[in-house]
Every structure is written in structure tokens, then in C-alpha cells.
Amino acid sequence: MVDIATRVYNHKWKIDPIVRSLIDTDFYKLLMCQSVFRNKPDTNVTFSLINRATHIPLADLIDEGELREQLDHIRTLSLSRGESTWLRGNMFYGKRQMFSSQFMEWFEGMRLPPYHLERKGDQYELTFEGKWHEVMLWEVPALAVLMELRGRAVLDGMRRFELQVLYARGMTRVWEKIEKLRKIDGLGIADFGTRRRHSFLWQDWCVQAMMEGLGKNFTGTSNCLIAMRREVEAIGTNAHELPMVYSALAKDDAALAQAPYDVLQDWQDEHDGNLRIILPDTYGSRGFLENAPDWLAGWTGIRVDSGDPTKAARIAIDWWRERGEDPRQKRVIFSDGLDVDKIAKLHAQFSGLVNVSFGWGTLLTNDFRGLVPGDALAPFSLVCKAVSANGRPTVKLSDNPEKAMGPPDQIERYKRVFGVGAQESMDVIV
């Protein structure tokens, strides 16, 4: 097992690349990339880094030269032969050749496009512009780099012994969480913590701990590189990015109202089974389900990623019943701001009513809260989102208005088109 503390101590003397592989990314980015490559190859999109936690001065903490070094290194990466073989030949969600030969040929020759980095006060403005299927692959590695460089800045002054103690405490915390999760009968949980992890090495250790401690109840990881190396399932379906861009491309209000369903129609043409998971909250879950076509009720399940998870799950259960479906045959994946107590509570609430699963993110792979002075390693909400498509702004409403993004006039338009009324604000943990 890698001595993480020693690696952290030694990284100071030369560049220690944070991202060393193009498949050090979330599985759903590759699934979505293939869908975009097939359905929207000529769409131009701009992604932008957004630090929701503006009290964290990233530009003061992270040296611009070091950040550029890391980003430039990522642009040199390409698929290795072993990675390509794994993607081409491995079984994902019970299906071989998940990725088409056309997509793989493109991916094997791809290098990430240029980035634009500028300091604005105590924050960085980091943007990526170009063909959607190319620039979208910047999202996860860009977030991973920013999160890890912030962590390195905090740890920079610590000595080897201090680092050993810090990581021992962090490991103990993770293991204590796993011991509590062991007590939950019938638990199904996966690692979703790539984009806001403490580091790659730490995420890899957390996955190993989950494998060791939970056995078959650990269902896999969203991180493709770790999934390949540890021989576990790569987990992931789709994200808000798809409906946000499809909606931005809509020519009028009628097309806008239809856009989220067009996304899933395109998805259904490619995938079946457990990949048919609805993400309903981009423009309000209740309205999305009320206006959904009947064929969507036949999908396998729903991912709950914002708002009150109990309320969202109950809305989904009622919707399935109204559409003549048995909720006990459906899956609900909870993935927003999870920690052990929340996981245990939700499992107890819904076990037996639906198939309950969890995608555990930041508080698995980046929970060093209270372990350094000033709580300087506490996780924070950093995102990289598509902000425009073919020159039109994107919008996200969410089931939590604190996560809404887009120009104010467009937010109001989207609320009108999708019939989103008053929403309950909730703290954004990560």
C-alpha cells in the first residue's frame, strides 16, 4: 500500500502530476461523451469553473504557474494501449463493447483542447471552449487539480511526522464510517467522489477500504482508472450537463419544455437496463415527472441529487404508482451531500419500498474536517459547468435554489416554462 504521507511530503521537489490518465475521470463523462459525439458533434460549448464557496481564495492559495503546469500536463495525455483495451473489451453494466469503434478511434487520438486561465481578484477564472464532446472532458480533471492543489497548499508547511498523523486520523475516520455502514442490511453503495477528492491516492485508498470493509455491498466506483486497476465496477449514468445544453439549444419555449425529454430519448436509443436512470431535478423534479411521457416510467430508476431527498424519493414513488409501475422494482440512487447518518436514515426510510442505492461523494473522498488548524482542509463546493452552447446561456434550476445557475432573466424564463414555483433553500454542503 502506498505511503500517502511520504508521497505528499516528497511532492515538493518537482512536479507531481495530479492527473496522469484521461480515464482518471467519472464513468458517466465517457458515456455522455459518446452520446454527444453521436448526437451533437457540431455543438460548441463553453465550460467555466465556479467556486460557490467564495470565502476560499483559490488564487491566493494556489500558485498560477503550478496550476498551469498541471493543466498543461493533462493536455499531453492520451489513452494508453491498456486503457483502450479495457474500454473496448470490458463488460460495463452487463454489456460488452459499450463504446463504439467510431468513438474509440476518436478518443484514442484525442488530446484535450486549450484552456483559458485568468486571475480575477482572489479567484481564478478557468474556461474551456470548443466542440462539446472535446471540452466536456476537461470538467473532472480540472476540478481534481484545483481541489488537490488547494490541499497541497494547506499541507505544504507540515512535516513528515505531522502528515503521518493527519493521514492516520483521516484513515481512522473513513474506517469508522465503514464500520457503521457494515451494520446496514442490504446496503448498496458506490464511490462517487472523483471531482472533489482530496487526491487521487486518497480516493484510491478509500476505494480499497470500501472493498475490504463492505465486500459485495460496495458496488463500484465512478472513477474509471481506479475501476480498471482495482477490478471493480465502473459506475455512472448521466448528468445535468445534457439537459442544460439541449435546453440552451432550444429555439423557443415549446422546444425548451421538450428538451429534457429529448435528452432521454437519445439516451434510450443507446442504453438499457441499469443505465436507464432518470436525473429529474435540472428544472424541478415534480414538474419533470408530471409532464414526462409514459415511456419514461418504464426506465429502471431515478437519481436524487438536490433538495430534500425524502421528498424527492416520495414524489418518484407516487409517480411510478400513478403510471402503473411497481416502485419495489425500481431503483432510487441518492447522491447529494451524503454522509453515514444520512445514508442510514434514507436506507431505513425507503428499504422495501424501492431498491435503494447510494453514490457517496465528497464526504467519502475528502473528509478532513477539523483535522488541521482553521479547518483549512474542509471540503467546499467547486463546480465546472457548461455555461453556454452555440452562444446561448445555459440554465440550471435544481430542486435547491442555492444550486441554481444562469442569467437572472433566463432563470425566470425557465421557471415559467417548467412551472417551477417556490422552492425550499437548503445549505450546499459540497
Protein backbone atom coordinates (compact mmCIF):
# COMPACT_ATOMS: atom_id res chain seq x y z
CA MET A 1 0.00 0.00 0.00
CA VAL A 2 1.30 3.47 -0.88
CA ASP A 3 2.61 5.60 1.99
CA ILE A 4 0.48 8.64 1.23
CA ALA A 5 2.08 10.89 3.83
CA THR A 6 5.56 10.28 2.40
CA ARG A 7 4.33 10.93 -1.14
CA VAL A 8 2.75 14.19 -0.02
CA TYR A 9 5.96 15.20 1.74
CA ASN A 10 8.12 14.39 -1.27
CA HIS A 11 5.99 16.02 -3.97
CA LYS A 12 7.57 19.40 -3.25
CA TRP A 13 10.81 18.91 -5.14
CA LYS A 14 9.36 18.51 -8.64
CA ILE A 15 6.04 18.47 -10.47
CA ASP A 16 3.94 15.63 -9.19
CA PRO A 17 1.22 15.27 -11.82
CA ILE A 18 -2.23 15.19 -10.26
CA VAL A 19 -3.96 13.70 -13.28
CA ARG A 20 -1.93 11.01 -15.05
CA SER A 21 -4.58 9.42 -17.27
CA LEU A 22 -7.52 10.50 -19.40
CA ILE A 23 -9.62 7.82 -17.72
CA ASP A 24 -8.97 9.35 -14.30
CA THR A 25 -12.48 10.67 -14.69
CA ASP A 26 -16.08 9.77 -13.93
CA PHE A 27 -17.58 6.94 -15.96
CA TYR A 28 -20.64 8.99 -16.82
CA LYS A 29 -18.45 11.59 -18.56
CA LEU A 30 -17.37 8.94 -21.05
CA LEU A 31 -20.93 7.66 -21.53
CA MET A 32 -22.19 11.21 -22.08
CA CYS A 33 -19.22 12.00 -24.33
CA GLN A 34 -20.13 9.11 -26.62
CA SER A 35 -23.75 10.27 -26.71
CA VAL A 36 -22.71 13.83 -27.58
CA PHE A 37 -20.20 12.54 -30.15
CA ARG A 38 -23.06 10.68 -31.82
CA ASN A 39 -25.93 13.17 -31.47
CA LYS A 40 -24.46 16.69 -31.16
CA PRO A 41 -20.99 16.59 -32.74
CA ASP A 42 -21.09 20.16 -34.07
CA THR A 43 -22.27 21.88 -30.89
CA ASN A 44 -19.86 24.42 -29.42
CA VAL A 45 -19.89 24.70 -25.64
CA THR A 46 -18.12 26.82 -23.04
CA PHE A 47 -17.38 25.35 -19.62
CA SER A 48 -16.46 27.56 -16.69
CA LEU A 49 -15.11 26.94 -13.20
CA ILE A 50 -17.45 28.23 -10.48
CA ASN A 51 -16.34 28.45 -6.83
CA ARG A 52 -19.58 28.57 -4.84
CA ALA A 53 -17.51 28.96 -1.65
CA THR A 54 -16.20 32.44 -2.41
CA HIS A 55 -14.69 32.71 1.08
CA ILE A 56 -11.95 30.32 -0.10
CA PRO A 57 -9.41 32.48 -2.03
CA LEU A 58 -8.17 29.92 -4.51
CA ALA A 59 -5.91 32.38 -6.33
CA ASP A 60 -4.17 33.30 -3.07
CA LEU A 61 -3.70 29.66 -2.10
CA ILE A 62 -2.67 28.19 -5.44
CA ASP A 63 0.30 29.42 -7.47
CA GLU A 64 -0.76 30.25 -11.03
CA GLY A 65 2.40 28.78 -12.51
CA GLU A 66 1.87 25.49 -10.70
CA LEU A 67 -1.76 25.39 -11.82
CA ARG A 68 -0.72 25.97 -15.44
CA GLU A 69 1.90 23.24 -15.13
CA GLN A 70 -0.74 20.75 -14.02
CA LEU A 71 -3.23 21.77 -16.73
CA ASP A 72 -0.54 21.69 -19.43
CA HIS A 73 0.46 18.21 -18.32
CA ILE A 74 -3.12 16.99 -18.77
CA ARG A 75 -3.04 18.27 -22.37
CA THR A 76 -0.13 15.87 -23.09
CA LEU A 77 -2.13 12.79 -22.05
CA SER A 78 -3.60 10.20 -24.38
CA LEU A 79 -5.11 6.78 -23.89
CA SER A 80 -2.60 4.04 -23.23
CA ARG A 81 -2.96 0.73 -25.04
CA GLY A 82 -4.11 -0.93 -21.82
CA GLU A 83 -6.73 1.74 -21.17
CA SER A 84 -8.04 1.48 -24.70
CA THR A 85 -8.22 -2.31 -24.48
CA TRP A 86 -10.13 -2.06 -21.20
CA LEU A 87 -12.67 0.40 -22.59
CA ARG A 88 -13.12 -1.61 -25.78
CA GLY A 89 -13.33 -5.05 -24.22
CA ASN A 90 -14.52 -4.76 -20.65
CA MET A 91 -18.10 -5.51 -19.64
CA PHE A 92 -19.95 -2.45 -18.32
CA TYR A 93 -23.44 -2.83 -16.91
CA GLY A 94 -23.59 -6.32 -18.39
CA LYS A 95 -22.73 -5.17 -21.90
CA ARG A 96 -19.55 -5.63 -23.92
CA GLN A 97 -18.42 -3.03 -26.44
CA MET A 98 -20.26 -0.29 -24.57
CA PHE A 99 -18.14 2.18 -26.52
CA SER A 100 -18.44 2.08 -30.31
CA SER A 101 -15.40 1.62 -32.54
CA GLN A 102 -16.02 5.08 -34.08
CA PHE A 103 -15.99 6.74 -30.68
CA MET A 104 -12.94 4.79 -29.53
CA GLU A 105 -10.98 5.68 -32.66
CA TRP A 106 -11.67 9.34 -31.98
CA PHE A 107 -10.90 9.04 -28.25
CA GLU A 108 -7.59 7.24 -28.87
CA GLY A 109 -6.37 10.16 -30.98
CA MET A 110 -7.81 12.92 -28.81
CA ARG A 111 -5.88 15.46 -26.78
CA LEU A 112 -7.70 17.90 -24.54
CA PRO A 113 -8.16 21.33 -26.18
CA PRO A 114 -6.62 24.60 -24.88
CA TYR A 115 -7.85 26.29 -21.73
CA HIS A 116 -8.12 29.95 -20.70
CA LEU A 117 -6.89 30.87 -17.23
CA GLU A 118 -7.07 34.34 -15.71
CA ARG A 119 -6.84 35.63 -12.17
CA LYS A 120 -9.79 37.76 -11.01
CA GLY A 121 -9.14 39.15 -7.53
CA ASP A 122 -8.66 36.19 -5.19
CA GLN A 123 -10.25 33.68 -7.58
CA TYR A 124 -9.31 32.03 -10.86
CA GLU A 125 -11.41 32.25 -14.00
CA LEU A 126 -10.86 28.98 -15.82
CA THR A 127 -12.78 28.34 -19.04
CA PHE A 128 -12.78 25.77 -21.83
CA GLU A 129 -14.31 26.47 -25.25
CA GLY A 130 -14.77 24.20 -28.25
CA LYS A 131 -16.68 21.19 -29.55
CA TRP A 132 -18.86 19.83 -26.79
CA HIS A 133 -17.51 16.27 -26.85
CA GLU A 134 -13.95 17.59 -26.50
CA VAL A 135 -14.24 20.32 -23.87
CA MET A 136 -16.59 18.30 -21.64
CA LEU A 137 -13.68 16.01 -20.79
CA TRP A 138 -11.95 18.89 -19.03
CA GLU A 139 -14.54 19.10 -16.22
CA VAL A 140 -13.46 16.32 -13.89
CA PRO A 141 -9.65 16.66 -14.22
CA ALA A 142 -9.89 20.45 -13.81
CA LEU A 143 -11.85 20.07 -10.57
CA ALA A 144 -9.49 17.36 -9.32
CA VAL A 145 -6.47 19.59 -9.97
CA LEU A 146 -7.93 22.62 -8.19
CA MET A 147 -9.03 20.58 -5.18
CA GLU A 148 -5.70 18.82 -4.81
CA LEU A 149 -3.60 21.97 -5.29
CA ARG A 150 -5.62 23.65 -2.57
CA GLY A 151 -4.93 20.67 -0.33
CA ARG A 152 -1.22 20.76 -1.17
CA ALA A 153 -1.11 24.46 -0.27
CA VAL A 154 -2.57 23.73 3.16
CA LEU A 155 -0.23 20.77 3.76
CA ASP A 156 2.88 22.49 2.45
CA GLY A 157 4.19 23.57 5.83
CA MET A 158 3.60 20.28 7.59
CA ARG A 159 6.47 17.98 8.48
CA ARG A 160 6.62 14.27 7.72
CA PHE A 161 5.51 13.21 11.22
CA GLU A 162 2.57 15.64 11.18
CA LEU A 163 1.49 14.30 7.82
CA GLN A 164 1.69 10.72 9.07
CA VAL A 165 -0.58 11.60 11.99
CA LEU A 166 -3.00 13.55 9.77
CA TYR A 167 -3.46 10.67 7.34
CA ALA A 168 -3.73 8.16 10.19
CA ARG A 169 -6.59 10.25 11.59
CA GLY A 170 -8.19 10.52 8.16
CA MET A 171 -7.95 6.76 7.63
CA THR A 172 -9.42 6.09 11.03
CA ARG A 173 -12.35 8.39 10.23
CA VAL A 174 -13.08 6.62 6.94
CA TRP A 175 -12.84 3.20 8.58
CA GLU A 176 -15.16 4.21 11.43
CA LYS A 177 -17.71 5.30 8.83
CA ILE A 178 -17.36 1.96 7.05
CA GLU A 179 -17.86 0.09 10.32
CA LYS A 180 -21.16 1.92 10.81
CA LEU A 181 -22.22 1.17 7.23
CA ARG A 182 -21.49 -2.53 7.77
CA LYS A 183 -24.47 -2.65 10.12
CA ILE A 184 -26.95 -1.68 7.40
CA ASP A 185 -28.50 -4.83 5.99
CA GLY A 186 -28.80 -4.89 2.22
CA LEU A 187 -26.77 -1.72 1.66
CA GLY A 188 -25.65 -0.89 -1.89
CA ILE A 189 -23.12 1.94 -2.13
CA ALA A 190 -20.62 3.22 -4.68
CA ASP A 191 -17.81 5.78 -4.68
CA PHE A 192 -18.83 8.99 -6.50
CA GLY A 193 -16.02 11.13 -5.12
CA THR A 194 -13.67 11.86 -8.03
CA ARG A 195 -14.29 15.52 -8.79
CA ARG A 196 -13.90 16.92 -5.27
CA ARG A 197 -11.49 14.38 -3.82
CA HIS A 198 -8.56 15.18 -1.56
CA SER A 199 -6.22 13.47 -4.02
CA PHE A 200 -6.09 10.52 -6.40
CA LEU A 201 -4.05 8.47 -3.93
CA TRP A 202 -6.57 9.19 -1.21
CA GLN A 203 -9.55 8.26 -3.39
CA ASP A 204 -7.80 5.04 -4.35
CA TRP A 205 -7.20 4.25 -0.66
CA CYS A 206 -10.86 4.98 0.16
CA VAL A 207 -12.00 2.58 -2.58
CA GLN A 208 -9.71 -0.12 -1.21
CA ALA A 209 -11.10 0.48 2.28
CA MET A 210 -14.67 0.17 0.97
CA MET A 211 -13.81 -3.04 -0.86
CA GLU A 212 -12.22 -4.50 2.26
CA GLY A 213 -14.84 -3.32 4.73
CA LEU A 214 -18.09 -3.70 2.78
CA GLY A 215 -17.41 -6.57 0.39
CA LYS A 216 -20.29 -7.16 -2.04
CA ASN A 217 -22.21 -4.20 -0.58
CA PHE A 218 -19.64 -1.93 -2.23
CA THR A 219 -20.94 -1.78 -5.79
CA GLY A 220 -18.10 0.09 -7.53
CA THR A 221 -16.54 3.46 -8.26
CA SER A 222 -17.29 6.26 -10.68
CA ASN A 223 -13.55 6.61 -11.35
CA CYS A 224 -12.63 4.65 -14.48
CA LEU A 225 -8.90 4.41 -13.75
CA ILE A 226 -9.46 3.08 -10.25
CA ALA A 227 -12.15 0.71 -11.51
CA MET A 228 -9.69 -0.70 -14.04
CA ARG A 229 -6.80 -1.03 -11.57
CA ARG A 230 -8.86 -2.44 -8.68
CA GLU A 231 -11.06 -4.62 -10.91
CA VAL A 232 -14.36 -3.24 -9.62
CA GLU A 233 -17.41 -1.98 -11.49
CA ALA A 234 -17.30 1.42 -13.16
CA ILE A 235 -20.48 3.21 -12.06
CA GLY A 236 -22.34 6.15 -13.62
CA THR A 237 -25.17 7.15 -15.93
CA ASN A 238 -25.78 10.77 -16.97
CA ALA A 239 -25.60 14.29 -15.51
CA HIS A 240 -27.26 17.73 -15.60
CA GLU A 241 -24.93 18.74 -18.39
CA LEU A 242 -27.03 17.01 -21.06
CA PRO A 243 -30.40 18.73 -20.40
CA MET A 244 -28.64 22.06 -19.74
CA VAL A 245 -27.04 22.10 -23.20
CA TYR A 246 -30.02 20.60 -25.04
CA SER A 247 -32.24 23.26 -23.43
CA ALA A 248 -29.88 26.09 -24.36
CA LEU A 249 -30.12 24.97 -27.99
CA ALA A 250 -33.95 25.09 -27.97
CA LYS A 251 -35.37 27.62 -30.45
CA ASP A 252 -38.50 28.57 -28.49
CA ASP A 253 -40.40 27.87 -25.28
CA ALA A 254 -42.12 24.80 -26.70
CA ALA A 255 -38.79 23.26 -27.71
CA LEU A 256 -37.36 24.22 -24.33
CA ALA A 257 -40.13 22.37 -22.48
CA GLN A 258 -39.42 19.28 -24.59
CA ALA A 259 -35.61 19.39 -24.40
CA PRO A 260 -35.10 17.36 -21.17
CA TYR A 261 -37.15 14.52 -22.65
CA ASP A 262 -35.25 14.71 -25.96
CA VAL A 263 -32.10 14.05 -23.94
CA LEU A 264 -33.53 10.84 -22.51
CA GLN A 265 -34.93 9.73 -25.85
CA ASP A 266 -31.42 9.93 -27.31
CA TRP A 267 -30.11 8.10 -24.24
CA GLN A 268 -32.72 5.36 -24.56
CA ASP A 269 -31.64 4.75 -28.14
CA GLU A 270 -28.18 3.76 -26.83
CA HIS A 271 -28.67 2.20 -23.40
CA ASP A 272 -30.91 -0.15 -21.48
CA GLY A 273 -31.16 -1.75 -18.03
CA ASN A 274 -29.41 -0.02 -15.14
CA LEU A 275 -28.13 2.74 -17.40
CA ARG A 276 -31.69 3.99 -17.79
CA ILE A 277 -31.64 6.14 -14.67
CA ILE A 278 -33.58 9.43 -14.74
CA LEU A 279 -31.98 12.58 -13.33
CA PRO A 280 -35.13 14.71 -12.97
CA ASP A 281 -34.07 17.77 -10.96
CA THR A 282 -32.37 20.01 -13.56
CA TYR A 283 -35.55 22.08 -13.89
CA GLY A 284 -37.53 20.79 -10.91
CA SER A 285 -38.27 17.12 -10.25
CA ARG A 286 -42.02 17.39 -9.64
CA GLY A 287 -42.78 19.22 -12.89
CA PHE A 288 -40.42 16.99 -14.86
CA LEU A 289 -42.22 13.84 -13.73
CA GLU A 290 -45.73 15.27 -14.08
CA ASN A 291 -45.09 16.12 -17.73
CA ALA A 292 -42.96 13.10 -18.59
CA PRO A 293 -44.02 10.79 -21.44
CA ASP A 294 -45.37 7.39 -20.41
CA TRP A 295 -42.39 5.50 -21.83
CA LEU A 296 -40.12 7.12 -19.26
CA ALA A 297 -41.94 5.38 -16.40
CA GLY A 298 -40.57 2.11 -17.75
CA TRP A 299 -37.00 3.19 -17.02
CA THR A 300 -35.07 1.43 -14.27
CA GLY A 301 -34.86 4.20 -11.68
CA ILE A 302 -34.12 7.76 -10.59
CA ARG A 303 -31.11 9.60 -9.15
CA VAL A 304 -31.86 12.12 -6.38
CA ASP A 305 -29.21 14.86 -6.44
CA SER A 306 -30.66 18.00 -4.86
CA GLY A 307 -33.33 19.30 -2.50
CA ASP A 308 -34.97 17.26 0.24
CA PRO A 309 -34.08 13.62 -0.61
CA THR A 310 -37.02 12.19 1.34
CA LYS A 311 -39.50 14.39 -0.50
CA ALA A 312 -37.88 13.64 -3.89
CA ALA A 313 -38.00 9.87 -3.34
CA ARG A 314 -41.64 10.01 -2.28
CA ILE A 315 -42.53 12.04 -5.37
CA ALA A 316 -40.84 9.38 -7.52
CA ILE A 317 -42.65 6.52 -5.74
CA ASP A 318 -46.03 8.22 -6.16
CA TRP A 319 -45.26 8.90 -9.83
CA TRP A 320 -44.40 5.27 -10.54
CA ARG A 321 -47.60 4.13 -8.87
CA GLU A 322 -49.67 6.62 -10.88
CA ARG A 323 -48.08 5.31 -14.08
CA GLY A 324 -48.88 1.69 -13.20
CA GLU A 325 -45.34 0.73 -12.20
CA ASP A 326 -44.30 -1.18 -9.07
CA PRO A 327 -41.83 1.01 -7.12
CA ARG A 328 -40.37 -2.10 -5.50
CA GLN A 329 -38.97 -2.99 -8.93
CA LYS A 330 -37.38 0.47 -9.33
CA ARG A 331 -34.10 1.93 -8.11
CA VAL A 332 -33.55 5.23 -6.30
CA ILE A 333 -29.93 6.41 -6.18
CA PHE A 334 -29.22 9.09 -3.57
CA SER A 335 -26.11 11.15 -4.36
CA ASP A 336 -26.31 14.60 -2.75
CA GLY A 337 -24.25 15.59 0.30
CA LEU A 338 -24.21 12.11 1.78
CA ASP A 339 -22.57 11.00 4.97
CA VAL A 340 -23.09 7.97 7.18
CA ASP A 341 -26.04 9.22 9.25
CA LYS A 342 -27.90 10.45 6.17
CA ILE A 343 -27.24 7.17 4.35
CA ALA A 344 -28.54 5.14 7.31
CA LYS A 345 -31.66 7.30 7.65
CA LEU A 346 -32.57 7.17 3.95
CA HIS A 347 -31.95 3.42 3.76
CA ALA A 348 -34.24 2.84 6.75
CA GLN A 349 -36.93 5.09 5.23
CA PHE A 350 -37.06 3.53 1.78
CA SER A 351 -35.74 -0.02 2.02
CA GLY A 352 -38.60 -2.31 1.00
CA LEU A 353 -40.39 0.48 -0.87
CA VAL A 354 -37.76 0.75 -3.64
CA ASN A 355 -34.31 -0.62 -4.42
CA VAL A 356 -32.14 1.88 -2.56
CA SER A 357 -28.60 2.76 -3.70
CA PHE A 358 -26.11 5.44 -2.76
CA GLY A 359 -23.45 7.34 -4.66
CA TRP A 360 -21.13 8.58 -1.89
CA GLY A 361 -19.00 11.51 -2.96
CA THR A 362 -17.06 14.23 -1.24
CA LEU A 363 -17.55 13.17 2.37
CA LEU A 364 -16.02 9.81 1.48
CA THR A 365 -13.01 11.03 -0.51
CA ASN A 366 -12.37 14.42 1.10
CA ASP A 367 -13.40 14.45 4.74
CA PHE A 368 -10.59 16.03 6.74
CA ARG A 369 -12.94 18.34 8.61
CA GLY A 370 -11.50 19.54 11.90
CA LEU A 371 -8.13 17.84 11.43
CA VAL A 372 -5.97 20.89 10.66
CA PRO A 373 -5.92 24.42 12.14
CA GLY A 374 -8.64 26.73 10.89
CA ASP A 375 -10.38 23.75 9.30
CA ALA A 376 -8.36 24.61 6.21
CA LEU A 377 -8.92 21.19 4.59
CA ALA A 378 -12.71 21.23 4.88
CA PRO A 379 -14.32 20.36 1.53
CA PHE A 380 -16.07 23.12 -0.37
CA SER A 381 -18.40 23.48 -3.33
CA LEU A 382 -16.37 23.86 -6.51
CA VAL A 383 -18.04 23.05 -9.85
CA CYS A 384 -17.20 23.24 -13.53
CA LYS A 385 -20.36 23.69 -15.61
CA ALA A 386 -21.38 24.23 -19.20
CA VAL A 387 -22.30 27.94 -19.23
CA SER A 388 -23.18 28.40 -22.91
CA ALA A 389 -23.95 26.35 -26.02
CA ASN A 390 -23.67 27.82 -29.53
CA GLY A 391 -23.57 31.23 -27.86
CA ARG A 392 -26.77 30.72 -25.82
CA PRO A 393 -26.57 30.72 -22.00
CA THR A 394 -27.29 27.53 -20.09
CA VAL A 395 -29.53 27.38 -17.03
CA LYS A 396 -29.86 25.01 -14.10
CA LEU A 397 -32.68 25.41 -11.59
CA SER A 398 -32.26 22.30 -9.39
CA ASP A 399 -34.60 21.33 -6.54
CA ASN A 400 -32.49 23.60 -4.33
CA PRO A 401 -32.45 27.25 -5.44
CA GLU A 402 -28.99 27.63 -3.87
CA LYS A 403 -27.67 25.48 -6.74
CA ALA A 404 -29.39 27.49 -9.49
CA MET A 405 -27.16 29.00 -12.16
CA GLY A 406 -27.61 31.12 -15.27
CA PRO A 407 -28.53 34.72 -16.17
CA PRO A 408 -31.37 36.02 -13.93
CA ASP A 409 -33.71 36.72 -16.85
CA GLN A 410 -33.20 33.21 -18.22
CA ILE A 411 -33.70 31.65 -14.77
CA GLU A 412 -37.08 33.40 -14.59
CA ARG A 413 -37.95 32.25 -18.12
CA TYR A 414 -37.06 28.64 -17.31
CA LYS A 415 -39.10 28.80 -14.08
CA ARG A 416 -42.08 29.95 -16.13
CA VAL A 417 -41.67 27.34 -18.88
CA PHE A 418 -41.16 24.47 -16.44
CA GLY A 419 -43.73 25.68 -13.92
CA VAL A 420 -41.28 25.92 -11.02
CA GLY A 421 -42.85 27.75 -8.09
CA ALA A 422 -41.47 28.49 -4.64
CA GLN A 423 -38.58 26.24 -3.62
CA GLU A 424 -37.07 25.42 -0.25
CA SER A 425 -33.46 26.58 0.13
CA MET A 426 -31.01 24.12 1.63
CA ASP A 427 -27.36 24.55 2.55
CA VAL A 428 -25.00 23.35 -0.15
CA ILE A 429 -22.58 21.13 1.74
CA VAL A 430 -20.38 20.17 -1.20
